[in-house]
PDB file of N, CA and C in Angstrom:
ATOM      1  N   MET A   1       0.876  -1.217   0.082  1.00  0.00           N
ATOM      2  CA  MET A   1       0.047  -0.024  -0.064  1.00  0.00           C
ATOM      3  C   MET A   1       0.839   1.237  -0.166  1.00  0.00           C
ATOM      4  N   ASN A   2       0.468   2.172  -0.850  1.00  0.00           N
ATOM      5  CA  ASN A   2       1.201   3.343  -0.953  1.00  0.00           C
ATOM      6  C   ASN A   2       0.559   4.683  -0.206  1.00  0.00           C
ATOM      7  N   PHE A   3       0.654   5.192   0.769  1.00  0.00           N
ATOM      8  CA  PHE A   3       0.267   6.226   1.584  1.00  0.00           C
ATOM      9  C   PHE A   3       1.025   7.524   1.163  1.00  0.00           C
ATOM     10  N   ARG A   4       0.283   8.622   0.960  1.00  0.00           N
ATOM     11  CA  ARG A   4       0.998   9.809   0.915  1.00  0.00           C
ATOM     12  C   ARG A   4       1.022  10.416   2.143  1.00  0.00           C
ATOM     13  N   ILE A   5       2.028  10.744   2.409  1.00  0.00           N
ATOM     14  CA  ILE A   5       2.539  11.835   3.798  1.00  0.00           C
ATOM     15  C   ILE A   5       2.181  13.223   3.475  1.00  0.00           C
ATOM     16  N   GLY A   6       1.596  13.939   4.266  1.00  0.00           N
ATOM     17  CA  GLY A   6       1.565  15.243   4.287  1.00  0.00           C
ATOM     18  C   GLY A   6       0.270  15.667   3.612  1.00  0.00           C
ATOM     19  N   ALA A   7       0.204  16.900   3.361  1.00  0.00           N
ATOM     20  CA  ALA A   7      -1.066  17.627   2.599  1.00  0.00           C
ATOM     21  C   ALA A   7      -0.596  17.966   1.040  1.00  0.00           C
ATOM     22  N   ASP A   8      -1.533  18.335   0.459  1.00  0.00           N
ATOM     23  CA  ASP A   8      -1.734  18.872  -0.964  1.00  0.00           C
ATOM     24  C   ASP A   8      -1.478  20.456  -0.371  1.00  0.00           C
ATOM     25  N   TYR A   9      -0.582  20.994  -0.360  1.00  0.00           N
ATOM     26  CA  TYR A   9      -0.482  22.396  -0.198  1.00  0.00           C
ATOM     27  C   TYR A   9      -0.644  23.489  -1.077  1.00  0.00           C
ATOM     28  N   SER A  10      -0.833  22.972  -2.325  1.00  0.00           N
ATOM     29  CA  SER A  10      -1.317  24.093  -3.436  1.00  0.00           C
ATOM     30  C   SER A  10      -2.846  24.193  -3.178  1.00  0.00           C
ATOM     31  N   ALA A  11      -3.760  23.237  -2.852  1.00  0.00           N
ATOM     32  CA  ALA A  11      -4.925  23.272  -2.424  1.00  0.00           C
ATOM     33  C   ALA A  11      -5.158  24.319  -1.371  1.00  0.00           C
ATOM     34  N   ILE A  12      -4.382  24.109  -0.339  1.00  0.00           N
ATOM     35  CA  ILE A  12      -4.414  24.957   0.881  1.00  0.00           C
ATOM     36  C   ILE A  12      -4.259  26.421   0.703  1.00  0.00           C
ATOM     37  N   HIS A  13      -3.331  26.565  -0.260  1.00  0.00           N
ATOM     38  CA  HIS A  13      -2.870  28.003  -0.541  1.00  0.00           C
ATOM     39  C   HIS A  13      -4.012  28.632  -1.366  1.00  0.00           C
ATOM     40  N   LYS A  14      -4.728  27.704  -2.249  1.00  0.00           N
ATOM     41  CA  LYS A  14      -5.833  28.623  -3.173  1.00  0.00           C
ATOM     42  C   LYS A  14      -6.871  28.799  -2.083  1.00  0.00           C
ATOM     43  N   VAL A  15      -7.369  28.201  -1.114  1.00  0.00           N
ATOM     44  CA  VAL A  15      -8.270  28.381  -0.195  1.00  0.00           C
ATOM     45  C   VAL A  15      -7.944  29.696   0.604  1.00  0.00           C
ATOM     46  N   GLU A  16      -6.718  29.646   0.925  1.00  0.00           N
ATOM     47  CA  GLU A  16      -6.321  30.706   2.166  1.00  0.00           C
ATOM     48  C   GLU A  16      -6.203  32.183   1.297  1.00  0.00           C
ATOM     49  N   GLU A  17      -5.963  31.888   0.130  1.00  0.00           N
ATOM     50  CA  GLU A  17      -5.970  33.310  -0.807  1.00  0.00           C
ATOM     51  C   GLU A  17      -7.007  34.012  -0.758  1.00  0.00           C
ATOM     52  N   LYS A  18      -8.245  33.600  -0.738  1.00  0.00           N
ATOM     53  CA  LYS A  18      -9.519  34.133  -0.663  1.00  0.00           C
ATOM     54  C   LYS A  18      -9.923  34.989   0.800  1.00  0.00           C
ATOM     55  N   PHE A  19      -8.989  34.283   1.705  1.00  0.00           N
ATOM     56  CA  PHE A  19      -9.455  34.987   2.818  1.00  0.00           C
ATOM     57  C   PHE A  19      -8.425  36.031   3.455  1.00  0.00           C
ATOM     58  N   LYS A  20      -7.247  36.155   2.580  1.00  0.00           N
ATOM     59  CA  LYS A  20      -6.017  37.121   2.867  1.00  0.00           C
ATOM     60  C   LYS A  20      -6.649  38.336   2.345  1.00  0.00           C
ATOM     61  N   LYS A  21      -5.921  39.537   3.286  1.00  0.00           N
ATOM     62  CA  LYS A  21      -6.394  40.865   2.969  1.00  0.00           C
ATOM     63  C   LYS A  21      -5.293  41.566   1.771  1.00  0.00           C
ATOM     64  N   GLN A  22      -5.805  42.047   0.850  1.00  0.00           N
ATOM     65  CA  GLN A  22      -5.122  42.484  -0.011  1.00  0.00           C
ATOM     66  C   GLN A  22      -4.181  43.719   0.179  1.00  0.00           C
ATOM     67  N   TYR A  23      -4.839  44.629   0.865  1.00  0.00           N
ATOM     68  CA  TYR A  23      -4.175  45.807   1.103  1.00  0.00           C
ATOM     69  C   TYR A  23      -3.731  46.205   2.433  1.00  0.00           C
ATOM     70  N   LEU A  24      -2.619  45.606   2.823  1.00  0.00           N
ATOM     71  CA  LEU A  24      -2.024  45.825   4.076  1.00  0.00           C
ATOM     72  C   LEU A  24      -0.502  46.768   3.793  1.00  0.00           C
ATOM     73  N   PRO A  25      -0.349  47.486   4.836  1.00  0.00           N
ATOM     74  CA  PRO A  25       0.967  48.259   4.542  1.00  0.00           C
ATOM     75  C   PRO A  25       2.181  47.305   4.849  1.00  0.00           C
ATOM     76  N   ASN A  26       3.131  47.657   4.407  1.00  0.00           N
ATOM     77  CA  ASN A  26       4.506  46.692   4.610  1.00  0.00           C
ATOM     78  C   ASN A  26       4.716  46.957   6.232  1.00  0.00           C
ATOM     79  N   ILE A  27       4.390  45.931   7.118  1.00  0.00           N
ATOM     80  CA  ILE A  27       4.553  46.004   8.490  1.00  0.00           C
ATOM     81  C   ILE A  27       5.775  45.048   8.808  1.00  0.00           C
ATOM     82  N   GLN A  28       6.720  46.071   9.582  1.00  0.00           N
ATOM     83  CA  GLN A  28       7.807  45.198  10.062  1.00  0.00           C
ATOM     84  C   GLN A  28       7.925  45.310  11.543  1.00  0.00           C
ATOM     85  N   VAL A  29       9.004  44.486  12.085  1.00  0.00           N
ATOM     86  CA  VAL A  29       9.364  44.756  13.448  1.00  0.00           C
ATOM     87  C   VAL A  29       9.924  45.962  13.806  1.00  0.00           C
ATOM     88  N   GLY A  30       9.413  46.588  14.699  1.00  0.00           N
ATOM     89  CA  GLY A  30       9.995  48.003  15.285  1.00  0.00           C
ATOM     90  C   GLY A  30       9.153  48.981  14.720  1.00  0.00           C
ATOM     91  N   ASP A  31       8.186  48.775  14.008  1.00  0.00           N
ATOM     92  CA  ASP A  31       7.198  49.901  13.329  1.00  0.00           C
ATOM     93  C   ASP A  31       6.305  50.193  14.981  1.00  0.00           C
ATOM     94  N   SER A  32       5.873  51.345  14.945  1.00  0.00           N
ATOM     95  CA  SER A  32       4.829  51.737  16.007  1.00  0.00           C
ATOM     96  C   SER A  32       3.595  51.868  15.039  1.00  0.00           C
ATOM     97  N   ILE A  33       2.584  51.425  15.367  1.00  0.00           N
ATOM     98  CA  ILE A  33       1.436  51.275  14.539  1.00  0.00           C
ATOM     99  C   ILE A  33       0.077  51.481  15.532  1.00  0.00           C
ATOM    100  N   LYS A  34      -1.158  51.969  14.660  1.00  0.00           N
ATOM    101  CA  LYS A  34      -2.226  52.070  15.098  1.00  0.00           C
ATOM    102  C   LYS A  34      -3.082  51.037  14.745  1.00  0.00           C
ATOM    103  N   ILE A  35      -3.650  50.162  15.439  1.00  0.00           N
ATOM    104  CA  ILE A  35      -4.522  49.111  14.823  1.00  0.00           C
ATOM    105  C   ILE A  35      -6.113  49.262  15.329  1.00  0.00           C
ATOM    106  N   SER A  36      -6.936  49.243  14.311  1.00  0.00           N
ATOM    107  CA  SER A  36      -8.458  49.438  14.788  1.00  0.00           C
ATOM    108  C   SER A  36      -9.076  47.788  14.812  1.00  0.00           C
ATOM    109  N   ILE A  37      -9.699  47.800  15.886  1.00  0.00           N
ATOM    110  CA  ILE A  37     -10.317  46.583  15.994  1.00  0.00           C
ATOM    111  C   ILE A  37     -11.804  46.488  16.113  1.00  0.00           C
ATOM    112  N   ILE A  38     -12.588  45.616  15.683  1.00  0.00           N
ATOM    113  CA  ILE A  38     -14.080  45.964  16.318  1.00  0.00           C
ATOM    114  C   ILE A  38     -14.159  44.730  17.459  1.00  0.00           C
ATOM    115  N   ILE A  39     -14.608  45.578  18.405  1.00  0.00           N
ATOM    116  CA  ILE A  39     -15.115  44.813  19.634  1.00  0.00           C
ATOM    117  C   ILE A  39     -16.501  44.767  19.894  1.00  0.00           C
ATOM    118  N   GLN A  40     -16.987  43.577  20.104  1.00  0.00           N
ATOM    119  CA  GLN A  40     -18.543  43.122  20.627  1.00  0.00           C
ATOM    120  C   GLN A  40     -18.847  43.215  21.791  1.00  0.00           C
ATOM    121  N   GLU A  41     -19.500  44.120  22.144  1.00  0.00           N
ATOM    122  CA  GLU A  41     -19.984  44.203  23.730  1.00  0.00           C
ATOM    123  C   GLU A  41     -21.395  43.917  23.679  1.00  0.00           C
ATOM    124  N   GLY A  42     -22.025  42.920  24.292  1.00  0.00           N
ATOM    125  CA  GLY A  42     -23.213  42.545  24.331  1.00  0.00           C
ATOM    126  C   GLY A  42     -23.771  42.201  22.895  1.00  0.00           C
ATOM    127  N   ASN A  43     -24.690  42.998  22.268  1.00  0.00           N
ATOM    128  CA  ASN A  43     -25.216  42.913  21.067  1.00  0.00           C
ATOM    129  C   ASN A  43     -24.784  44.251  20.256  1.00  0.00           C
ATOM    130  N   LYS A  44     -23.967  45.092  20.836  1.00  0.00           N
ATOM    131  CA  LYS A  44     -23.251  46.161  20.203  1.00  0.00           C
ATOM    132  C   LYS A  44     -22.046  46.039  19.664  1.00  0.00           C
ATOM    133  N   GLU A  45     -21.435  46.683  18.648  1.00  0.00           N
ATOM    134  CA  GLU A  45     -20.063  46.515  18.004  1.00  0.00           C
ATOM    135  C   GLU A  45     -19.611  48.144  17.960  1.00  0.00           C
ATOM    136  N   ARG A  46     -18.400  48.192  18.373  1.00  0.00           N
ATOM    137  CA  ARG A  46     -17.748  49.387  18.101  1.00  0.00           C
ATOM    138  C   ARG A  46     -16.170  49.041  17.791  1.00  0.00           C
ATOM    139  N   THR A  47     -15.574  50.318  17.297  1.00  0.00           N
ATOM    140  CA  THR A  47     -14.150  50.066  16.703  1.00  0.00           C
ATOM    141  C   THR A  47     -13.222  50.593  17.818  1.00  0.00           C
ATOM    142  N   GLN A  48     -12.344  49.779  18.422  1.00  0.00           N
ATOM    143  CA  GLN A  48     -11.452  50.236  19.467  1.00  0.00           C
ATOM    144  C   GLN A  48     -10.007  50.374  18.665  1.00  0.00           C
ATOM    145  N   VAL A  49      -9.339  51.484  19.098  1.00  0.00           N
ATOM    146  CA  VAL A  49      -7.889  51.572  18.407  1.00  0.00           C
ATOM    147  C   VAL A  49      -6.876  51.424  19.267  1.00  0.00           C
ATOM    148  N   SER A  50      -6.158  50.759  18.991  1.00  0.00           N
ATOM    149  CA  SER A  50      -4.853  50.148  19.865  1.00  0.00           C
ATOM    150  C   SER A  50      -3.547  50.656  19.336  1.00  0.00           C
ATOM    151  N   GLU A  51      -2.816  51.069  20.129  1.00  0.00           N
ATOM    152  CA  GLU A  51      -1.553  51.581  19.477  1.00  0.00           C
ATOM    153  C   GLU A  51      -0.197  50.987  20.451  1.00  0.00           C
ATOM    154  N   GLY A  52       0.931  50.593  19.682  1.00  0.00           N
ATOM    155  CA  GLY A  52       2.045  50.112  20.039  1.00  0.00           C
ATOM    156  C   GLY A  52       3.282  49.776  19.293  1.00  0.00           C
ATOM    157  N   VAL A  53       4.289  49.327  19.790  1.00  0.00           N
ATOM    158  CA  VAL A  53       5.541  48.851  19.090  1.00  0.00           C
ATOM    159  C   VAL A  53       5.531  47.511  18.463  1.00  0.00           C
ATOM    160  N   ILE A  54       5.627  47.122  17.487  1.00  0.00           N
ATOM    161  CA  ILE A  54       5.650  45.612  17.007  1.00  0.00           C
ATOM    162  C   ILE A  54       7.046  45.116  17.414  1.00  0.00           C
ATOM    163  N   ILE A  55       6.852  44.116  18.354  1.00  0.00           N
ATOM    164  CA  ILE A  55       8.007  43.248  19.046  1.00  0.00           C
ATOM    165  C   ILE A  55       8.468  42.145  18.242  1.00  0.00           C
ATOM    166  N   SER A  56       7.535  41.708  17.607  1.00  0.00           N
ATOM    167  CA  SER A  56       7.822  40.431  16.982  1.00  0.00           C
ATOM    168  C   SER A  56       6.786  40.283  15.733  1.00  0.00           C
ATOM    169  N   LYS A  57       7.142  39.349  14.890  1.00  0.00           N
ATOM    170  CA  LYS A  57       6.082  38.799  13.725  1.00  0.00           C
ATOM    171  C   LYS A  57       6.375  37.356  13.137  1.00  0.00           C
ATOM    172  N   ASN A  58       5.195  36.832  13.163  1.00  0.00           N
ATOM    173  CA  ASN A  58       5.324  35.561  12.650  1.00  0.00           C
ATOM    174  C   ASN A  58       4.692  35.401  11.168  1.00  0.00           C
ATOM    175  N   ASN A  59       5.536  34.990  10.218  1.00  0.00           N
ATOM    176  CA  ASN A  59       5.025  34.983   8.788  1.00  0.00           C
ATOM    177  C   ASN A  59       4.715  33.479   8.624  1.00  0.00           C
ATOM    178  N   SER A  60       3.261  33.261   8.265  1.00  0.00           N
ATOM    179  CA  SER A  60       2.820  32.004   8.005  1.00  0.00           C
ATOM    180  C   SER A  60       1.614  31.895   7.106  1.00  0.00           C
ATOM    181  N   ASN A  61       1.624  32.939   6.073  1.00  0.00           N
ATOM    182  CA  ASN A  61       0.352  33.161   4.958  1.00  0.00           C
ATOM    183  C   ASN A  61      -0.666  33.647   5.762  1.00  0.00           C
ATOM    184  N   LEU A  62      -1.718  32.811   5.731  1.00  0.00           N
ATOM    185  CA  LEU A  62      -3.021  33.281   6.551  1.00  0.00           C
ATOM    186  C   LEU A  62      -2.873  33.304   7.888  1.00  0.00           C
ATOM    187  N   ASN A  63      -2.029  33.019   8.568  1.00  0.00           N
ATOM    188  CA  ASN A  63      -2.060  32.825  10.115  1.00  0.00           C
ATOM    189  C   ASN A  63      -0.729  33.905  10.589  1.00  0.00           C
ATOM    190  N   THR A  64      -0.424  34.740   9.647  1.00  0.00           N
ATOM    191  CA  THR A  64       0.556  35.553  10.085  1.00  0.00           C
ATOM    192  C   THR A  64      -0.004  36.686  11.485  1.00  0.00           C
ATOM    193  N   THR A  65       0.961  36.587  12.277  1.00  0.00           N
ATOM    194  CA  THR A  65       0.592  37.349  13.553  1.00  0.00           C
ATOM    195  C   THR A  65       1.539  38.369  13.930  1.00  0.00           C
ATOM    196  N   ILE A  66       1.401  39.261  14.657  1.00  0.00           N
ATOM    197  CA  ILE A  66       2.192  40.494  15.230  1.00  0.00           C
ATOM    198  C   ILE A  66       2.040  40.342  16.638  1.00  0.00           C
ATOM    199  N   THR A  67       3.248  40.637  17.267  1.00  0.00           N
ATOM    200  CA  THR A  67       2.846  41.027  18.642  1.00  0.00           C
ATOM    201  C   THR A  67       3.095  42.489  19.283  1.00  0.00           C
ATOM    202  N   VAL A  68       2.359  43.006  19.641  1.00  0.00           N
ATOM    203  CA  VAL A  68       2.308  44.610  19.838  1.00  0.00           C
ATOM    204  C   VAL A  68       2.550  44.894  21.338  1.00  0.00           C
ATOM    205  N   ARG A  69       3.480  45.702  21.699  1.00  0.00           N
ATOM    206  CA  ARG A  69       3.541  46.144  23.304  1.00  0.00           C
ATOM    207  C   ARG A  69       3.462  47.721  23.170  1.00  0.00           C
ATOM    208  N   LYS A  70       2.779  47.798  24.380  1.00  0.00           N
ATOM    209  CA  LYS A  70       2.495  49.244  24.977  1.00  0.00           C
ATOM    210  C   LYS A  70       2.742  49.144  26.442  1.00  0.00           C
ATOM    211  N   ILE A  71       2.564  50.284  26.642  1.00  0.00           N
ATOM    212  CA  ILE A  71       2.846  50.823  28.298  1.00  0.00           C
ATOM    213  C   ILE A  71       1.391  51.387  28.740  1.00  0.00           C
ATOM    214  N   ILE A  72       0.831  50.599  29.507  1.00  0.00           N
ATOM    215  CA  ILE A  72      -0.291  51.104  30.282  1.00  0.00           C
ATOM    216  C   ILE A  72      -0.334  51.311  31.752  1.00  0.00           C
ATOM    217  N   GLN A  73      -0.228  52.554  32.207  1.00  0.00           N
ATOM    218  CA  GLN A  73      -0.412  52.817  33.802  1.00  0.00           C
ATOM    219  C   GLN A  73       1.008  52.200  34.334  1.00  0.00           C
ATOM    220  N   ASN A  74       1.936  52.360  33.566  1.00  0.00           N
ATOM    221  CA  ASN A  74       3.573  51.818  33.991  1.00  0.00           C
ATOM    222  C   ASN A  74       3.672  50.301  33.901  1.00  0.00           C
ATOM    223  N   VAL A  75       2.830  49.517  33.341  1.00  0.00           N
ATOM    224  CA  VAL A  75       2.650  48.116  33.230  1.00  0.00           C
ATOM    225  C   VAL A  75       2.937  47.947  31.680  1.00  0.00           C
ATOM    226  N   GLY A  76       3.762  47.024  31.360  1.00  0.00           N
ATOM    227  CA  GLY A  76       3.824  46.810  29.962  1.00  0.00           C
ATOM    228  C   GLY A  76       2.725  45.845  29.622  1.00  0.00           C
ATOM    229  N   VAL A  77       2.070  45.708  28.678  1.00  0.00           N
ATOM    230  CA  VAL A  77       1.152  44.636  28.016  1.00  0.00           C
ATOM    231  C   VAL A  77       1.346  44.479  26.509  1.00  0.00           C
ATOM    232  N   GLU A  78       1.353  43.314  26.366  1.00  0.00           N
ATOM    233  CA  GLU A  78       1.499  42.747  24.901  1.00  0.00           C
ATOM    234  C   GLU A  78       0.340  42.031  24.316  1.00  0.00           C
ATOM    235  N   LYS A  79      -0.028  42.208  23.316  1.00  0.00           N
ATOM    236  CA  LYS A  79      -1.137  41.469  22.487  1.00  0.00           C
ATOM    237  C   LYS A  79      -0.778  40.932  21.296  1.00  0.00           C
ATOM    238  N   VAL A  80      -1.212  39.661  20.905  1.00  0.00           N
ATOM    239  CA  VAL A  80      -1.039  39.036  19.884  1.00  0.00           C
ATOM    240  C   VAL A  80      -2.267  39.207  18.707  1.00  0.00           C
ATOM    241  N   TYR A  81      -1.732  39.755  17.534  1.00  0.00           N
ATOM    242  CA  TYR A  81      -2.984  39.902  16.675  1.00  0.00           C
ATOM    243  C   TYR A  81      -2.995  39.352  15.333  1.00  0.00           C
ATOM    244  N   LEU A  82      -3.928  38.558  14.936  1.00  0.00           N
ATOM    245  CA  LEU A  82      -3.965  37.937  13.612  1.00  0.00           C
ATOM    246  C   LEU A  82      -4.085  39.028  12.522  1.00  0.00           C
ATOM    247  N   ILE A  83      -3.121  39.098  11.692  1.00  0.00           N
ATOM    248  CA  ILE A  83      -3.363  40.374  10.705  1.00  0.00           C
ATOM    249  C   ILE A  83      -4.400  40.064   9.830  1.00  0.00           C
ATOM    250  N   HIS A  84      -4.831  38.962   9.153  1.00  0.00           N
ATOM    251  CA  HIS A  84      -5.630  38.730   8.156  1.00  0.00           C
ATOM    252  C   HIS A  84      -7.128  38.565   8.777  1.00  0.00           C
ATOM    253  N   SER A  85      -7.187  38.885  10.037  1.00  0.00           N
ATOM    254  CA  SER A  85      -8.586  38.534  10.790  1.00  0.00           C
ATOM    255  C   SER A  85      -9.633  39.587  10.333  1.00  0.00           C
ATOM    256  N   PRO A  86     -10.910  39.132  10.308  1.00  0.00           N
ATOM    257  CA  PRO A  86     -11.909  40.126   9.516  1.00  0.00           C
ATOM    258  C   PRO A  86     -12.142  41.091  10.796  1.00  0.00           C
ATOM    259  N   ARG A  87     -11.947  40.934  11.848  1.00  0.00           N
ATOM    260  CA  ARG A  87     -11.888  41.975  13.001  1.00  0.00           C
ATOM    261  C   ARG A  87     -11.250  43.176  12.787  1.00  0.00           C
ATOM    262  N   ILE A  88      -9.914  42.999  12.271  1.00  0.00           N
ATOM    263  CA  ILE A  88      -9.247  44.053  12.071  1.00  0.00           C
ATOM    264  C   ILE A  88      -9.512  44.854  10.950  1.00  0.00           C
ATOM    265  N   THR A  89     -10.018  46.111  11.150  1.00  0.00           N
ATOM    266  CA  THR A  89     -10.349  46.891   9.949  1.00  0.00           C
ATOM    267  C   THR A  89      -9.293  47.685   9.286  1.00  0.00           C
ATOM    268  N   LYS A  90      -8.599  48.397  10.335  1.00  0.00           N
ATOM    269  CA  LYS A  90      -7.310  49.366   9.802  1.00  0.00           C
ATOM    270  C   LYS A  90      -6.043  49.000  10.255  1.00  0.00           C
ATOM    271  N   VAL A  91      -5.097  49.168   9.671  1.00  0.00           N
ATOM    272  CA  VAL A  91      -3.680  49.006  10.540  1.00  0.00           C
ATOM    273  C   VAL A  91      -2.841  50.433   9.786  1.00  0.00           C
ATOM    274  N   GLU A  92      -2.523  51.241  10.560  1.00  0.00           N
ATOM    275  CA  GLU A  92      -1.913  52.418  10.028  1.00  0.00           C
ATOM    276  C   GLU A  92      -0.371  52.453  10.673  1.00  0.00           C
ATOM    277  N   ILE A  93       0.457  52.814   9.900  1.00  0.00           N
ATOM    278  CA  ILE A  93       1.940  52.799  10.652  1.00  0.00           C
ATOM    279  C   ILE A  93       2.179  54.034  11.061  1.00  0.00           C
ATOM    280  N   THR A  94       2.569  54.624  12.064  1.00  0.00           N
ATOM    281  CA  THR A  94       2.918  55.826  12.659  1.00  0.00           C
ATOM    282  C   THR A  94       4.360  56.331  12.799  1.00  0.00           C
ATOM    283  N   ARG A  95       5.119  55.382  12.852  1.00  0.00           N
ATOM    284  CA  ARG A  95       6.704  55.667  12.740  1.00  0.00           C
ATOM    285  C   ARG A  95       7.320  54.218  12.496  1.00  0.00           C
ATOM    286  N   LYS A  96       8.367  54.419  11.781  1.00  0.00           N
ATOM    287  CA  LYS A  96       9.079  53.340  11.251  1.00  0.00           C
ATOM    288  C   LYS A  96      10.368  53.454  12.259  1.00  0.00           C
ATOM    289  N   SER A  97      11.111  52.277  12.687  1.00  0.00           N
ATOM    290  CA  SER A  97      12.295  52.640  13.507  1.00  0.00           C
ATOM    291  C   SER A  97      13.499  51.585  12.756  1.00  0.00           C
ATOM    292  N   ARG A  98      14.521  52.029  13.048  1.00  0.00           N
ATOM    293  CA  ARG A  98      15.750  51.258  12.498  1.00  0.00           C
ATOM    294  C   ARG A  98      16.224  50.154  13.657  1.00  0.00           C
ATOM    295  N   ILE A  99      16.178  49.089  13.315  1.00  0.00           N
ATOM    296  CA  ILE A  99      16.487  48.060  14.191  1.00  0.00           C
ATOM    297  C   ILE A  99      17.460  46.972  13.738  1.00  0.00           C
ATOM    298  N   ARG A 100      18.018  46.240  14.722  1.00  0.00           N
ATOM    299  CA  ARG A 100      19.164  45.332  14.258  1.00  0.00           C
ATOM    300  C   ARG A 100      18.838  43.835  14.735  1.00  0.00           C
ATOM    301  N   ARG A 101      17.580  43.494  15.074  1.00  0.00           N
ATOM    302  CA  ARG A 101      17.167  42.540  15.657  1.00  0.00           C
ATOM    303  C   ARG A 101      15.928  42.062  15.019  1.00  0.00           C
ATOM    304  N   ALA A 102      15.826  40.717  14.825  1.00  0.00           N
ATOM    305  CA  ALA A 102      14.542  40.075  14.204  1.00  0.00           C
ATOM    306  C   ALA A 102      13.216  40.218  15.283  1.00  0.00           C
ATOM    307  N   LYS A 103      13.462  40.039  16.767  1.00  0.00           N
ATOM    308  CA  LYS A 103      12.601  40.115  17.625  1.00  0.00           C
ATOM    309  C   LYS A 103      13.165  41.161  18.652  1.00  0.00           C
ATOM    310  N   LEU A 104      12.140  41.718  19.300  1.00  0.00           N
ATOM    311  CA  LEU A 104      12.603  42.873  20.146  1.00  0.00           C
ATOM    312  C   LEU A 104      12.250  42.634  21.672  1.00  0.00           C
ATOM    313  N   TYR A 105      12.422  41.236  21.771  1.00  0.00           N
ATOM    314  CA  TYR A 105      11.936  40.905  23.099  1.00  0.00           C
ATOM    315  C   TYR A 105      12.711  41.602  24.355  1.00  0.00           C
ATOM    316  N   TYR A 106      13.938  42.193  24.192  1.00  0.00           N
ATOM    317  CA  TYR A 106      14.830  42.891  25.063  1.00  0.00           C
ATOM    318  C   TYR A 106      14.002  44.073  25.583  1.00  0.00           C
ATOM    319  N   LEU A 107      12.936  44.609  24.883  1.00  0.00           N
ATOM    320  CA  LEU A 107      12.371  45.813  25.266  1.00  0.00           C
ATOM    321  C   LEU A 107      11.467  45.265  26.764  1.00  0.00           C
ATOM    322  N   ARG A 108      11.327  44.263  26.909  1.00  0.00           N
ATOM    323  CA  ARG A 108      10.341  44.005  28.151  1.00  0.00           C
ATOM    324  C   ARG A 108      11.175  44.081  29.178  1.00  0.00           C
ATOM    325  N   SER A 109      12.593  44.134  29.410  1.00  0.00           N
ATOM    326  CA  SER A 109      13.409  44.635  30.708  1.00  0.00           C
ATOM    327  C   SER A 109      13.747  46.003  30.556  1.00  0.00           C
ATOM    328  N   LYS A 110      13.328  46.806  29.759  1.00  0.00           N
ATOM    329  CA  LYS A 110      13.573  48.077  29.516  1.00  0.00           C
ATOM    330  C   LYS A 110      12.546  48.876  30.225  1.00  0.00           C
ATOM    331  N   SER A 111      12.847  50.039  30.512  1.00  0.00           N
ATOM    332  CA  SER A 111      11.514  51.118  31.182  1.00  0.00           C
ATOM    333  C   SER A 111      11.949  52.631  30.712  1.00  0.00           C
ATOM    334  N   GLY A 112      11.034  53.141  30.517  1.00  0.00           N
ATOM    335  CA  GLY A 112      11.362  54.858  30.439  1.00  0.00           C
ATOM    336  C   GLY A 112      11.984  54.882  28.953  1.00  0.00           C
ATOM    337  N   LYS A 113      12.917  55.873  29.138  1.00  0.00           N
ATOM    338  CA  LYS A 113      13.712  56.252  27.743  1.00  0.00           C
ATOM    339  C   LYS A 113      14.177  55.143  27.055  1.00  0.00           C
ATOM    340  N   ALA A 114      14.522  54.198  27.763  1.00  0.00           N
ATOM    341  CA  ALA A 114      15.410  53.361  27.289  1.00  0.00           C
ATOM    342  C   ALA A 114      14.677  52.385  26.344  1.00  0.00           C
ATOM    343  N   THR A 115      13.528  52.688  25.994  1.00  0.00           N
ATOM    344  CA  THR A 115      12.552  51.831  25.407  1.00  0.00           C
ATOM    345  C   THR A 115      12.429  52.501  24.058  1.00  0.00           C
ATOM    346  N   ARG A 116      12.995  53.658  23.974  1.00  0.00           N
ATOM    347  CA  ARG A 116      13.345  54.270  22.694  1.00  0.00           C
ATOM    348  C   ARG A 116      13.797  53.651  21.395  1.00  0.00           C
ATOM    349  N   LEU A 117      13.432  53.743  20.488  1.00  0.00           N
ATOM    350  CA  LEU A 117      14.026  53.204  19.238  1.00  0.00           C
ATOM    351  C   LEU A 117      14.508  54.384  18.293  1.00  0.00           C
ATOM    352  N   LYS A 118      15.536  53.961  17.474  1.00  0.00           N
ATOM    353  CA  LYS A 118      15.838  55.147  16.589  1.00  0.00           C
ATOM    354  C   LYS A 118      14.921  55.013  15.421  1.00  0.00           C
ATOM    355  N   GLN A 119      14.324  56.439  14.826  1.00  0.00           N
ATOM    356  CA  GLN A 119      13.635  56.491  13.710  1.00  0.00           C
ATOM    357  C   GLN A 119      14.148  56.389  12.331  1.00  0.00           C
ATOM    358  N   LYS A 120      13.657  55.650  11.674  1.00  0.00           N
ATOM    359  CA  LYS A 120      14.057  55.500  10.264  1.00  0.00           C
ATOM    360  C   LYS A 120      13.325  56.512   9.397  1.00  0.00           C
ATOM    361  N   PHE A 121      14.172  57.357   8.600  1.00  0.00           N
ATOM    362  CA  PHE A 121      13.347  58.118   7.756  1.00  0.00           C
ATOM    363  C   PHE A 121      13.273  57.640   6.366  1.00  0.00           C
ATOM    364  N   ILE A 122      12.366  57.694   5.822  1.00  0.00           N
ATOM    365  CA  ILE A 122      12.114  57.091   4.453  1.00  0.00           C
ATOM    366  C   ILE A 122      12.180  58.124   3.494  1.00  0.00           C
TER     367      ILE A 122
END
């Protein structure tokens, strides 16, 4: 008996292409972004804007995620967002930074002015 190991990836990619967002900015690690998310409270929906610095990005086609870090009342908060989610309405890059790392996890141990990143002028 001849069993096929794995999946047919071309069929998976064809299905995933339908659900991908076409118009996304070129998001990179180190960018400061504003991300608009649809929040459901009871039977009402509203748009909430969250802003922070991207400290990591996981590229995997439809399952691409970013981790955004921000400081709220002197406490660091990180949240993982699924970029191609239908709940995300808008992603706006407010500032690009010049970085030399793929992941900015070292920002977790820094506070205050030490968390500033050098701005990249385009």
